[in-house]
Structures are given as structure tokens and as C-alpha cells.
């Protein structure tokens, strides 16, 4: 997620066309992430938890870890991804 996403979410609260676009983009992103975890062998509640957690991690990183350097942000993302992928059948 980016700062532009945050601006789009705010805009979508007051504009029906913007809301429809934001909802479609979020649906496409969600499906992509869910399918990726499915391809890695996750199913059911485990798959849903990982997909939602992935989005929460991205959102938190964008909104709350802005003070990290690029290198620190990459390391943080890698640690979170390693955690989410534990137990996959890659």
C-alpha cells in the first residue's frame, strides 16, 4: 500500500465512482494474494488468515514504519513474509 492508496480511500468516502474503483482494485489485489498463498499450498482458514495478515503488514508498514530506512523496511518485509510462509509446501 502507498500514500496514494490512503488518498484514494479518503476520496472513495465521498465519490461513488472512486469508491467503485477502489473496491475493484482491492478485490483484484486480494484475489492475487489469496491465489498466491493457495499456490503455496495453504487452504481454508489458514489461507484466509495469511492473506489478511499480508495486507495488514503492508498497511502497517506504509502507515507506521515510515521512519525506517529502505534497508530496514526491506528486512522487516522479509521477516514478515518468512513468518507468513512457514508451513508452505513450496
PDB file of N, CA and C in Angstrom:
ATOM      1  N   UNK A   1       0.838  -1.173   0.000  1.00  0.00           N
ATOM      2  CA  UNK A   1       0.000   0.000   0.000  1.00  0.00           C
ATOM      3  C   UNK A   1       0.885   1.239   0.000  1.00  0.00           C
ATOM      4  N   UNK A   2       0.391   2.279  -0.604  1.00  0.00           N
ATOM      5  CA  UNK A   2       1.166   3.505  -0.715  1.00  0.00           C
ATOM      6  C   UNK A   2       0.375   4.683  -0.166  1.00  0.00           C
ATOM      7  N   UNK A   3       1.026   5.827  -0.111  1.00  0.00           N
ATOM      8  CA  UNK A   3       0.339   7.044   0.303  1.00  0.00           C
ATOM      9  C   UNK A   3      -0.807   7.353  -0.660  1.00  0.00           C
ATOM     10  N   UNK A   4      -0.639   6.991  -1.931  1.00  0.00           N
ATOM     11  CA  UNK A   4      -1.723   7.206  -2.896  1.00  0.00           C
ATOM     12  C   UNK A   4      -2.944   6.362  -2.555  1.00  0.00           C
ATOM     13  N   UNK A   5      -2.710   5.161  -2.034  1.00  0.00           N
ATOM     14  CA  UNK A   5      -3.839   4.330  -1.607  1.00  0.00           C
ATOM     15  C   UNK A   5      -4.635   5.050  -0.532  1.00  0.00           C
ATOM     16  N   UNK A   6      -3.936   5.613   0.443  1.00  0.00           N
ATOM     17  CA  UNK A   6      -4.618   6.323   1.532  1.00  0.00           C
ATOM     18  C   UNK A   6      -5.457   7.468   0.983  1.00  0.00           C
ATOM     19  N   UNK A   7      -4.905   8.221   0.037  1.00  0.00           N
ATOM     20  CA  UNK A   7      -5.652   9.329  -0.561  1.00  0.00           C
ATOM     21  C   UNK A   7      -6.878   8.814  -1.320  1.00  0.00           C
ATOM     22  N   UNK A   8      -6.711   7.699  -2.023  1.00  0.00           N
ATOM     23  CA  UNK A   8      -7.844   7.122  -2.763  1.00  0.00           C
ATOM     24  C   UNK A   8      -8.952   6.664  -1.804  1.00  0.00           C
ATOM     25  N   UNK A   9      -8.571   6.083  -0.660  1.00  0.00           N
ATOM     26  CA  UNK A   9      -9.565   5.639   0.320  1.00  0.00           C
ATOM     27  C   UNK A   9     -10.373   6.831   0.838  1.00  0.00           C
ATOM     28  N   UNK A  10      -9.699   7.932   1.094  1.00  0.00           N
ATOM     29  CA  UNK A  10     -10.395   9.133   1.567  1.00  0.00           C
ATOM     30  C   UNK A  10     -11.342   9.635   0.485  1.00  0.00           C
ATOM     31  N   UNK A  11     -10.857   9.718  -0.744  1.00  0.00           N
ATOM     32  CA  UNK A  11     -11.679  10.177  -1.859  1.00  0.00           C
ATOM     33  C   UNK A  11     -12.892   9.265  -2.043  1.00  0.00           C
ATOM     34  N   UNK A  12     -12.677   7.971  -1.904  1.00  0.00           N
ATOM     35  CA  UNK A  12     -13.746   6.997  -2.115  1.00  0.00           C
ATOM     36  C   UNK A  12     -14.891   7.152  -1.112  1.00  0.00           C
ATOM     37  N   UNK A  13     -14.628   7.793   0.013  1.00  0.00           N
ATOM     38  CA  UNK A  13     -15.689   8.008   1.004  1.00  0.00           C
ATOM     39  C   UNK A  13     -16.721   9.016   0.527  1.00  0.00           C
ATOM     40  N   UNK A  14     -16.334   9.863  -0.429  1.00  0.00           N
ATOM     41  CA  UNK A  14     -17.242  10.920  -0.869  1.00  0.00           C
ATOM     42  C   UNK A  14     -17.611  10.853  -2.351  1.00  0.00           C
ATOM     43  N   UNK A  15     -17.028   9.912  -3.079  1.00  0.00           N
ATOM     44  CA  UNK A  15     -17.273   9.832  -4.522  1.00  0.00           C
ATOM     45  C   UNK A  15     -17.571   8.383  -4.903  1.00  0.00           C
ATOM     46  N   UNK A  16     -18.764   8.153  -5.431  1.00  0.00           N
ATOM     47  CA  UNK A  16     -19.197   6.788  -5.760  1.00  0.00           C
ATOM     48  C   UNK A  16     -18.310   6.141  -6.822  1.00  0.00           C
ATOM     49  N   UNK A  17     -17.886   6.900  -7.824  1.00  0.00           N
ATOM     50  CA  UNK A  17     -17.021   6.331  -8.868  1.00  0.00           C
ATOM     51  C   UNK A  17     -15.656   5.947  -8.298  1.00  0.00           C
ATOM     52  N   UNK A  18     -15.112   6.810  -7.458  1.00  0.00           N
ATOM     53  CA  UNK A  18     -13.827   6.495  -6.828  1.00  0.00           C
ATOM     54  C   UNK A  18     -13.972   5.258  -5.944  1.00  0.00           C
ATOM     55  N   UNK A  19     -15.093   5.176  -5.234  1.00  0.00           N
ATOM     56  CA  UNK A  19     -15.335   4.012  -4.364  1.00  0.00           C
ATOM     57  C   UNK A  19     -15.381   2.723  -5.182  1.00  0.00           C
ATOM     58  N   UNK A  20     -16.075   2.752  -6.306  1.00  0.00           N
ATOM     59  CA  UNK A  20     -16.165   1.554  -7.157  1.00  0.00           C
ATOM     60  C   UNK A  20     -14.779   1.143  -7.650  1.00  0.00           C
ATOM     61  N   UNK A  21     -13.970   2.112  -8.031  1.00  0.00           N
ATOM     62  CA  UNK A  21     -12.612   1.800  -8.498  1.00  0.00           C
ATOM     63  C   UNK A  21     -11.753   1.225  -7.379  1.00  0.00           C
ATOM     64  N   UNK A  22     -11.825   1.835  -6.205  1.00  0.00           N
ATOM     65  CA  UNK A  22     -11.043   1.355  -5.063  1.00  0.00           C
ATOM     66  C   UNK A  22     -11.476  -0.064  -4.693  1.00  0.00           C
ATOM     67  N   UNK A  23     -12.765  -0.310  -4.655  1.00  0.00           N
ATOM     68  CA  UNK A  23     -13.260  -1.650  -4.325  1.00  0.00           C
ATOM     69  C   UNK A  23     -12.774  -2.686  -5.334  1.00  0.00           C
ATOM     70  N   UNK A  24     -12.772  -2.324  -6.609  1.00  0.00           N
ATOM     71  CA  UNK A  24     -12.314  -3.255  -7.646  1.00  0.00           C
ATOM     72  C   UNK A  24     -10.820  -3.543  -7.505  1.00  0.00           C
ATOM     73  N   UNK A  25     -10.035  -2.508  -7.281  1.00  0.00           N
ATOM     74  CA  UNK A  25      -8.593  -2.704  -7.105  1.00  0.00           C
ATOM     75  C   UNK A  25      -8.328  -3.571  -5.880  1.00  0.00           C
ATOM     76  N   UNK A  26      -9.028  -3.315  -4.778  1.00  0.00           N
ATOM     77  CA  UNK A  26      -8.826  -4.106  -3.564  1.00  0.00           C
ATOM     78  C   UNK A  26      -9.261  -5.556  -3.789  1.00  0.00           C
ATOM     79  N   UNK A  27     -10.318  -5.760  -4.551  1.00  0.00           N
ATOM     80  CA  UNK A  27     -10.756  -7.123  -4.869  1.00  0.00           C
ATOM     81  C   UNK A  27      -9.690  -7.846  -5.690  1.00  0.00           C
ATOM     82  N   UNK A  28      -9.140  -7.170  -6.693  1.00  0.00           N
ATOM     83  CA  UNK A  28      -8.095  -7.771  -7.528  1.00  0.00           C
ATOM     84  C   UNK A  28      -6.840  -8.084  -6.711  1.00  0.00           C
ATOM     85  N   UNK A  29      -6.436  -7.161  -5.863  1.00  0.00           N
ATOM     86  CA  UNK A  29      -5.262  -7.390  -5.013  1.00  0.00           C
ATOM     87  C   UNK A  29      -5.493  -8.562  -4.076  1.00  0.00           C
ATOM     88  N   UNK A  30      -6.663  -8.576  -3.460  1.00  0.00           N
ATOM     89  CA  UNK A  30      -7.000  -9.635  -2.511  1.00  0.00           C
ATOM     90  C   UNK A  30      -6.992 -10.992  -3.198  1.00  0.00           C
ATOM     91  N   UNK A  31      -7.588 -11.075  -4.373  1.00  0.00           N
ATOM     92  CA  UNK A  31      -7.601 -12.331  -5.122  1.00  0.00           C
ATOM     93  C   UNK A  31      -6.196 -12.771  -5.499  1.00  0.00           C
ATOM     94  N   UNK A  32      -5.357 -11.823  -5.887  1.00  0.00           N
ATOM     95  CA  UNK A  32      -3.977 -12.152  -6.253  1.00  0.00           C
ATOM     96  C   UNK A  32      -3.235 -12.741  -5.059  1.00  0.00           C
ATOM     97  N   UNK A  33      -3.340 -12.073  -3.916  1.00  0.00           N
ATOM     98  CA  UNK A  33      -2.645 -12.550  -2.712  1.00  0.00           C
ATOM     99  C   UNK A  33      -3.198 -13.902  -2.279  1.00  0.00           C
ATOM    100  N   UNK A  34      -4.517 -14.035  -2.267  1.00  0.00           N
ATOM    101  CA  UNK A  34      -5.153 -15.295  -1.870  1.00  0.00           C
ATOM    102  C   UNK A  34      -4.710 -16.430  -2.798  1.00  0.00           C
ATOM    103  N   UNK A  35      -4.705 -16.181  -4.096  1.00  0.00           N
ATOM    104  CA  UNK A  35      -4.283 -17.210  -5.051  1.00  0.00           C
ATOM    105  C   UNK A  35      -2.811 -17.574  -4.892  1.00  0.00           C
ATOM    106  N   UNK A  36      -1.989 -16.581  -4.556  1.00  0.00           N
ATOM    107  CA  UNK A  36      -0.575 -16.854  -4.338  1.00  0.00           C
ATOM    108  C   UNK A  36      -0.393 -17.793  -3.148  1.00  0.00           C
ATOM    109  N   UNK A  37      -1.074 -17.501  -2.045  1.00  0.00           N
ATOM    110  CA  UNK A  37      -0.979 -18.386  -0.880  1.00  0.00           C
ATOM    111  C   UNK A  37      -1.575 -19.770  -1.190  1.00  0.00           C
ATOM    112  N   UNK A  38      -2.616 -19.813  -2.002  1.00  0.00           N
ATOM    113  CA  UNK A  38      -3.205 -21.095  -2.405  1.00  0.00           C
ATOM    114  C   UNK A  38      -2.188 -21.910  -3.202  1.00  0.00           C
ATOM    115  N   UNK A  39      -1.483 -21.259  -4.125  1.00  0.00           N
ATOM    116  CA  UNK A  39      -0.463 -21.949  -4.924  1.00  0.00           C
ATOM    117  C   UNK A  39       0.675 -22.479  -4.054  1.00  0.00           C
ATOM    118  N   UNK A  40       0.887 -21.849  -2.907  1.00  0.00           N
ATOM    119  CA  UNK A  40       1.925 -22.299  -1.979  1.00  0.00           C
ATOM    120  C   UNK A  40       1.440 -23.432  -1.078  1.00  0.00           C
ATOM    121  N   UNK A  41       0.177 -23.831  -1.252  1.00  0.00           N
ATOM    122  CA  UNK A  41      -0.333 -24.990  -0.531  1.00  0.00           C
ATOM    123  C   UNK A  41      -1.227 -24.699   0.651  1.00  0.00           C
ATOM    124  N   UNK A  42      -1.530 -23.441   0.922  1.00  0.00           N
ATOM    125  CA  UNK A  42      -2.390 -23.111   2.056  1.00  0.00           C
ATOM    126  C   UNK A  42      -3.855 -23.229   1.658  1.00  0.00           C
ATOM    127  N   UNK A  43      -4.684 -23.625   2.601  1.00  0.00           N
ATOM    128  CA  UNK A  43      -6.120 -23.811   2.343  1.00  0.00           C
ATOM    129  C   UNK A  43      -6.939 -23.293   3.522  1.00  0.00           C
ATOM    130  N   UNK A  44      -8.226 -23.066   3.267  1.00  0.00           N
ATOM    131  CA  UNK A  44      -9.193 -22.766   4.313  1.00  0.00           C
ATOM    132  C   UNK A  44      -8.842 -21.563   5.176  1.00  0.00           C
ATOM    133  N   UNK A  45      -9.074 -21.722   6.477  1.00  0.00           N
ATOM    134  CA  UNK A  45      -8.841 -20.634   7.419  1.00  0.00           C
ATOM    135  C   UNK A  45      -7.383 -20.192   7.423  1.00  0.00           C
ATOM    136  N   UNK A  46      -6.470 -21.137   7.247  1.00  0.00           N
ATOM    137  CA  UNK A  46      -5.049 -20.817   7.231  1.00  0.00           C
ATOM    138  C   UNK A  46      -4.728 -19.884   6.060  1.00  0.00           C
ATOM    139  N   UNK A  47      -5.282 -20.169   4.903  1.00  0.00           N
ATOM    140  CA  UNK A  47      -5.092 -19.332   3.727  1.00  0.00           C
ATOM    141  C   UNK A  47      -5.661 -17.933   3.973  1.00  0.00           C
ATOM    142  N   UNK A  48      -6.883 -17.858   4.494  1.00  0.00           N
ATOM    143  CA  UNK A  48      -7.533 -16.558   4.725  1.00  0.00           C
ATOM    144  C   UNK A  48      -6.764 -15.730   5.742  1.00  0.00           C
ATOM    145  N   UNK A  49      -6.293 -16.360   6.823  1.00  0.00           N
ATOM    146  CA  UNK A  49      -5.541 -15.653   7.849  1.00  0.00           C
ATOM    147  C   UNK A  49      -4.262 -15.075   7.258  1.00  0.00           C
ATOM    148  N   UNK A  50      -3.568 -15.843   6.445  1.00  0.00           N
ATOM    149  CA  UNK A  50      -2.314 -15.375   5.856  1.00  0.00           C
ATOM    150  C   UNK A  50      -2.556 -14.240   4.860  1.00  0.00           C
ATOM    151  N   UNK A  51      -3.594 -14.354   4.063  1.00  0.00           N
ATOM    152  CA  UNK A  51      -3.900 -13.291   3.098  1.00  0.00           C
ATOM    153  C   UNK A  51      -4.246 -11.994   3.827  1.00  0.00           C
ATOM    154  N   UNK A  52      -5.097 -12.071   4.844  1.00  0.00           N
ATOM    155  CA  UNK A  52      -5.446 -10.862   5.608  1.00  0.00           C
ATOM    156  C   UNK A  52      -4.230 -10.300   6.335  1.00  0.00           C
ATOM    157  N   UNK A  53      -3.424 -11.181   6.906  1.00  0.00           N
ATOM    158  CA  UNK A  53      -2.227 -10.730   7.622  1.00  0.00           C
ATOM    159  C   UNK A  53      -1.252 -10.035   6.684  1.00  0.00           C
ATOM    160  N   UNK A  54      -1.136 -10.558   5.467  1.00  0.00           N
ATOM    161  CA  UNK A  54      -0.264  -9.937   4.468  1.00  0.00           C
ATOM    162  C   UNK A  54      -0.686  -8.487   4.229  1.00  0.00           C
ATOM    163  N   UNK A  55      -1.988  -8.263   4.025  1.00  0.00           N
ATOM    164  CA  UNK A  55      -2.488  -6.909   3.801  1.00  0.00           C
ATOM    165  C   UNK A  55      -2.271  -6.021   5.021  1.00  0.00           C
ATOM    166  N   UNK A  56      -2.506  -6.561   6.200  1.00  0.00           N
ATOM    167  CA  UNK A  56      -2.285  -5.780   7.416  1.00  0.00           C
ATOM    168  C   UNK A  56      -0.824  -5.388   7.564  1.00  0.00           C
ATOM    169  N   UNK A  57       0.072  -6.302   7.241  1.00  0.00           N
ATOM    170  CA  UNK A  57       1.510  -5.993   7.303  1.00  0.00           C
ATOM    171  C   UNK A  57       1.865  -4.874   6.341  1.00  0.00           C
ATOM    172  N   UNK A  58       1.343  -4.927   5.140  1.00  0.00           N
ATOM    173  CA  UNK A  58       1.633  -3.867   4.164  1.00  0.00           C
ATOM    174  C   UNK A  58       1.086  -2.533   4.634  1.00  0.00           C
ATOM    175  N   UNK A  59      -0.127  -2.554   5.156  1.00  0.00           N
ATOM    176  CA  UNK A  59      -0.749  -1.329   5.633  1.00  0.00           C
ATOM    177  C   UNK A  59       0.025  -0.748   6.812  1.00  0.00           C
ATOM    178  N   UNK A  60       0.395  -1.584   7.747  1.00  0.00           N
ATOM    179  CA  UNK A  60       1.147  -1.114   8.912  1.00  0.00           C
ATOM    180  C   UNK A  60       2.493  -0.551   8.496  1.00  0.00           C
ATOM    181  N   UNK A  61       3.140  -1.220   7.572  1.00  0.00           N
ATOM    182  CA  UNK A  61       4.452  -0.763   7.117  1.00  0.00           C
ATOM    183  C   UNK A  61       4.351   0.606   6.458  1.00  0.00           C
ATOM    184  N   UNK A  62       3.313   0.805   5.684  1.00  0.00           N
ATOM    185  CA  UNK A  62       3.133   2.079   4.994  1.00  0.00           C
ATOM    186  C   UNK A  62       2.801   3.194   5.973  1.00  0.00           C
ATOM    187  N   UNK A  63       1.929   2.903   6.921  1.00  0.00           N
ATOM    188  CA  UNK A  63       1.419   3.946   7.806  1.00  0.00           C
ATOM    189  C   UNK A  63       2.213   4.148   9.085  1.00  0.00           C
ATOM    190  N   UNK A  64       2.912   3.131   9.557  1.00  0.00           N
ATOM    191  CA  UNK A  64       3.516   3.232  10.878  1.00  0.00           C
ATOM    192  C   UNK A  64       5.019   2.997  10.917  1.00  0.00           C
ATOM    193  N   UNK A  65       5.603   2.568   9.832  1.00  0.00           N
ATOM    194  CA  UNK A  65       7.041   2.313   9.823  1.00  0.00           C
ATOM    195  C   UNK A  65       7.770   3.266   8.881  1.00  0.00           C
ATOM    196  N   UNK A  66       7.193   4.434   8.669  1.00  0.00           N
ATOM    197  CA  UNK A  66       7.756   5.404   7.745  1.00  0.00           C
ATOM    198  C   UNK A  66       9.141   5.879   8.162  1.00  0.00           C
ATOM    199  N   UNK A  67       9.480   5.747   9.430  1.00  0.00           N
ATOM    200  CA  UNK A  67      10.756   6.222   9.951  1.00  0.00           C
ATOM    201  C   UNK A  67      11.909   5.271   9.646  1.00  0.00           C
ATOM    202  N   UNK A  68      11.611   4.071   9.170  1.00  0.00           N
ATOM    203  CA  UNK A  68      12.664   3.110   8.855  1.00  0.00           C
ATOM    204  C   UNK A  68      13.364   3.485   7.551  1.00  0.00           C
ATOM    205  N   UNK A  69      14.618   3.116   7.463  1.00  0.00           N
ATOM    206  CA  UNK A  69      15.332   3.292   6.195  1.00  0.00           C
ATOM    207  C   UNK A  69      14.795   2.257   5.198  1.00  0.00           C
ATOM    208  N   UNK A  70      15.135   2.420   3.950  1.00  0.00           N
ATOM    209  CA  UNK A  70      14.716   1.464   2.932  1.00  0.00           C
ATOM    210  C   UNK A  70      15.225   0.067   3.272  1.00  0.00           C
ATOM    211  N   UNK A  71      16.471  -0.025   3.695  1.00  0.00           N
ATOM    212  CA  UNK A  71      17.058  -1.327   4.042  1.00  0.00           C
ATOM    213  C   UNK A  71      16.314  -1.968   5.215  1.00  0.00           C
ATOM    214  N   UNK A  72      15.988  -1.163   6.228  1.00  0.00           N
ATOM    215  CA  UNK A  72      15.257  -1.679   7.391  1.00  0.00           C
ATOM    216  C   UNK A  72      13.856  -2.125   6.995  1.00  0.00           C
ATOM    217  N   UNK A  73      13.222  -1.368   6.098  1.00  0.00           N
ATOM    218  CA  UNK A  73      11.880  -1.721   5.639  1.00  0.00           C
ATOM    219  C   UNK A  73      11.901  -3.044   4.874  1.00  0.00           C
ATOM    220  N   UNK A  74      12.917  -3.227   4.022  1.00  0.00           N
ATOM    221  CA  UNK A  74      13.046  -4.480   3.269  1.00  0.00           C
ATOM    222  C   UNK A  74      13.254  -5.643   4.228  1.00  0.00           C
ATOM    223  N   UNK A  75      14.127  -5.473   5.208  1.00  0.00           N
ATOM    224  CA  UNK A  75      14.376  -6.532   6.194  1.00  0.00           C
ATOM    225  C   UNK A  75      13.101  -6.854   6.966  1.00  0.00           C
ATOM    226  N   UNK A  76      12.345  -5.830   7.332  1.00  0.00           N
ATOM    227  CA  UNK A  76      11.082  -6.045   8.040  1.00  0.00           C
ATOM    228  C   UNK A  76      10.103  -6.836   7.184  1.00  0.00           C
ATOM    229  N   UNK A  77       9.977  -6.451   5.910  1.00  0.00           N
ATOM    230  CA  UNK A  77       9.087  -7.179   4.987  1.00  0.00           C
ATOM    231  C   UNK A  77       9.521  -8.632   4.847  1.00  0.00           C
ATOM    232  N   UNK A  78      10.812  -8.861   4.717  1.00  0.00           N
ATOM    233  CA  UNK A  78      11.311 -10.231   4.565  1.00  0.00           C
ATOM    234  C   UNK A  78      11.005 -11.078   5.797  1.00  0.00           C
ATOM    235  N   UNK A  79      11.149 -10.501   6.990  1.00  0.00           N
ATOM    236  CA  UNK A  79      10.840 -11.242   8.220  1.00  0.00           C
ATOM    237  C   UNK A  79       9.355 -11.595   8.280  1.00  0.00           C
ATOM    238  N   UNK A  80       8.503 -10.635   7.945  1.00  0.00           N
ATOM    239  CA  UNK A  80       7.062 -10.886   7.978  1.00  0.00           C
ATOM    240  C   UNK A  80       6.666 -11.938   6.941  1.00  0.00           C
ATOM    241  N   UNK A  81       7.258 -11.855   5.760  1.00  0.00           N
ATOM    242  CA  UNK A  81       6.952 -12.820   4.715  1.00  0.00           C
ATOM    243  C   UNK A  81       7.425 -14.214   5.114  1.00  0.00           C
ATOM    244  N   UNK A  82       8.614 -14.315   5.696  1.00  0.00           N
ATOM    245  CA  UNK A  82       9.099 -15.614   6.190  1.00  0.00           C
ATOM    246  C   UNK A  82       8.117 -16.212   7.180  1.00  0.00           C
ATOM    247  N   UNK A  83       7.608 -15.385   8.087  1.00  0.00           N
ATOM    248  CA  UNK A  83       6.645 -15.862   9.076  1.00  0.00           C
ATOM    249  C   UNK A  83       5.364 -16.348   8.411  1.00  0.00           C
ATOM    250  N   UNK A  84       4.860 -15.584   7.439  1.00  0.00           N
ATOM    251  CA  UNK A  84       3.621 -15.965   6.761  1.00  0.00           C
ATOM    252  C   UNK A  84       3.770 -17.210   5.906  1.00  0.00           C
ATOM    253  N   UNK A  85       4.986 -17.488   5.453  1.00  0.00           N
ATOM    254  CA  UNK A  85       5.207 -18.641   4.585  1.00  0.00           C
ATOM    255  C   UNK A  85       5.578 -19.917   5.336  1.00  0.00           C
ATOM    256  N   UNK A  86       5.756 -19.846   6.645  1.00  0.00           N
ATOM    257  CA  UNK A  86       6.081 -21.047   7.400  1.00  0.00           C
ATOM    258  C   UNK A  86       4.986 -22.083   7.202  1.00  0.00           C
ATOM    259  N   UNK A  87       5.414 -23.277   6.861  1.00  0.00           N
ATOM    260  CA  UNK A  87       4.463 -24.366   6.665  1.00  0.00           C
ATOM    261  C   UNK A  87       3.990 -24.523   5.227  1.00  0.00           C
ATOM    262  N   UNK A  88       4.494 -23.690   4.314  1.00  0.00           N
ATOM    263  CA  UNK A  88       4.069 -23.841   2.915  1.00  0.00           C
ATOM    264  C   UNK A  88       4.728 -25.074   2.325  1.00  0.00           C
ATOM    265  N   UNK A  89       4.169 -25.536   1.214  1.00  0.00           N
ATOM    266  CA  UNK A  89       4.691 -26.733   0.549  1.00  0.00           C
ATOM    267  C   UNK A  89       5.403 -26.365  -0.732  1.00  0.00           C
ATOM    268  N   UNK A  90       6.102 -25.222  -0.725  1.00  0.00           N
ATOM    269  CA  UNK A  90       6.786 -24.696  -1.912  1.00  0.00           C
ATOM    270  C   UNK A  90       7.441 -25.764  -2.730  1.00  0.00           C
TER     271      UNK A  90
END
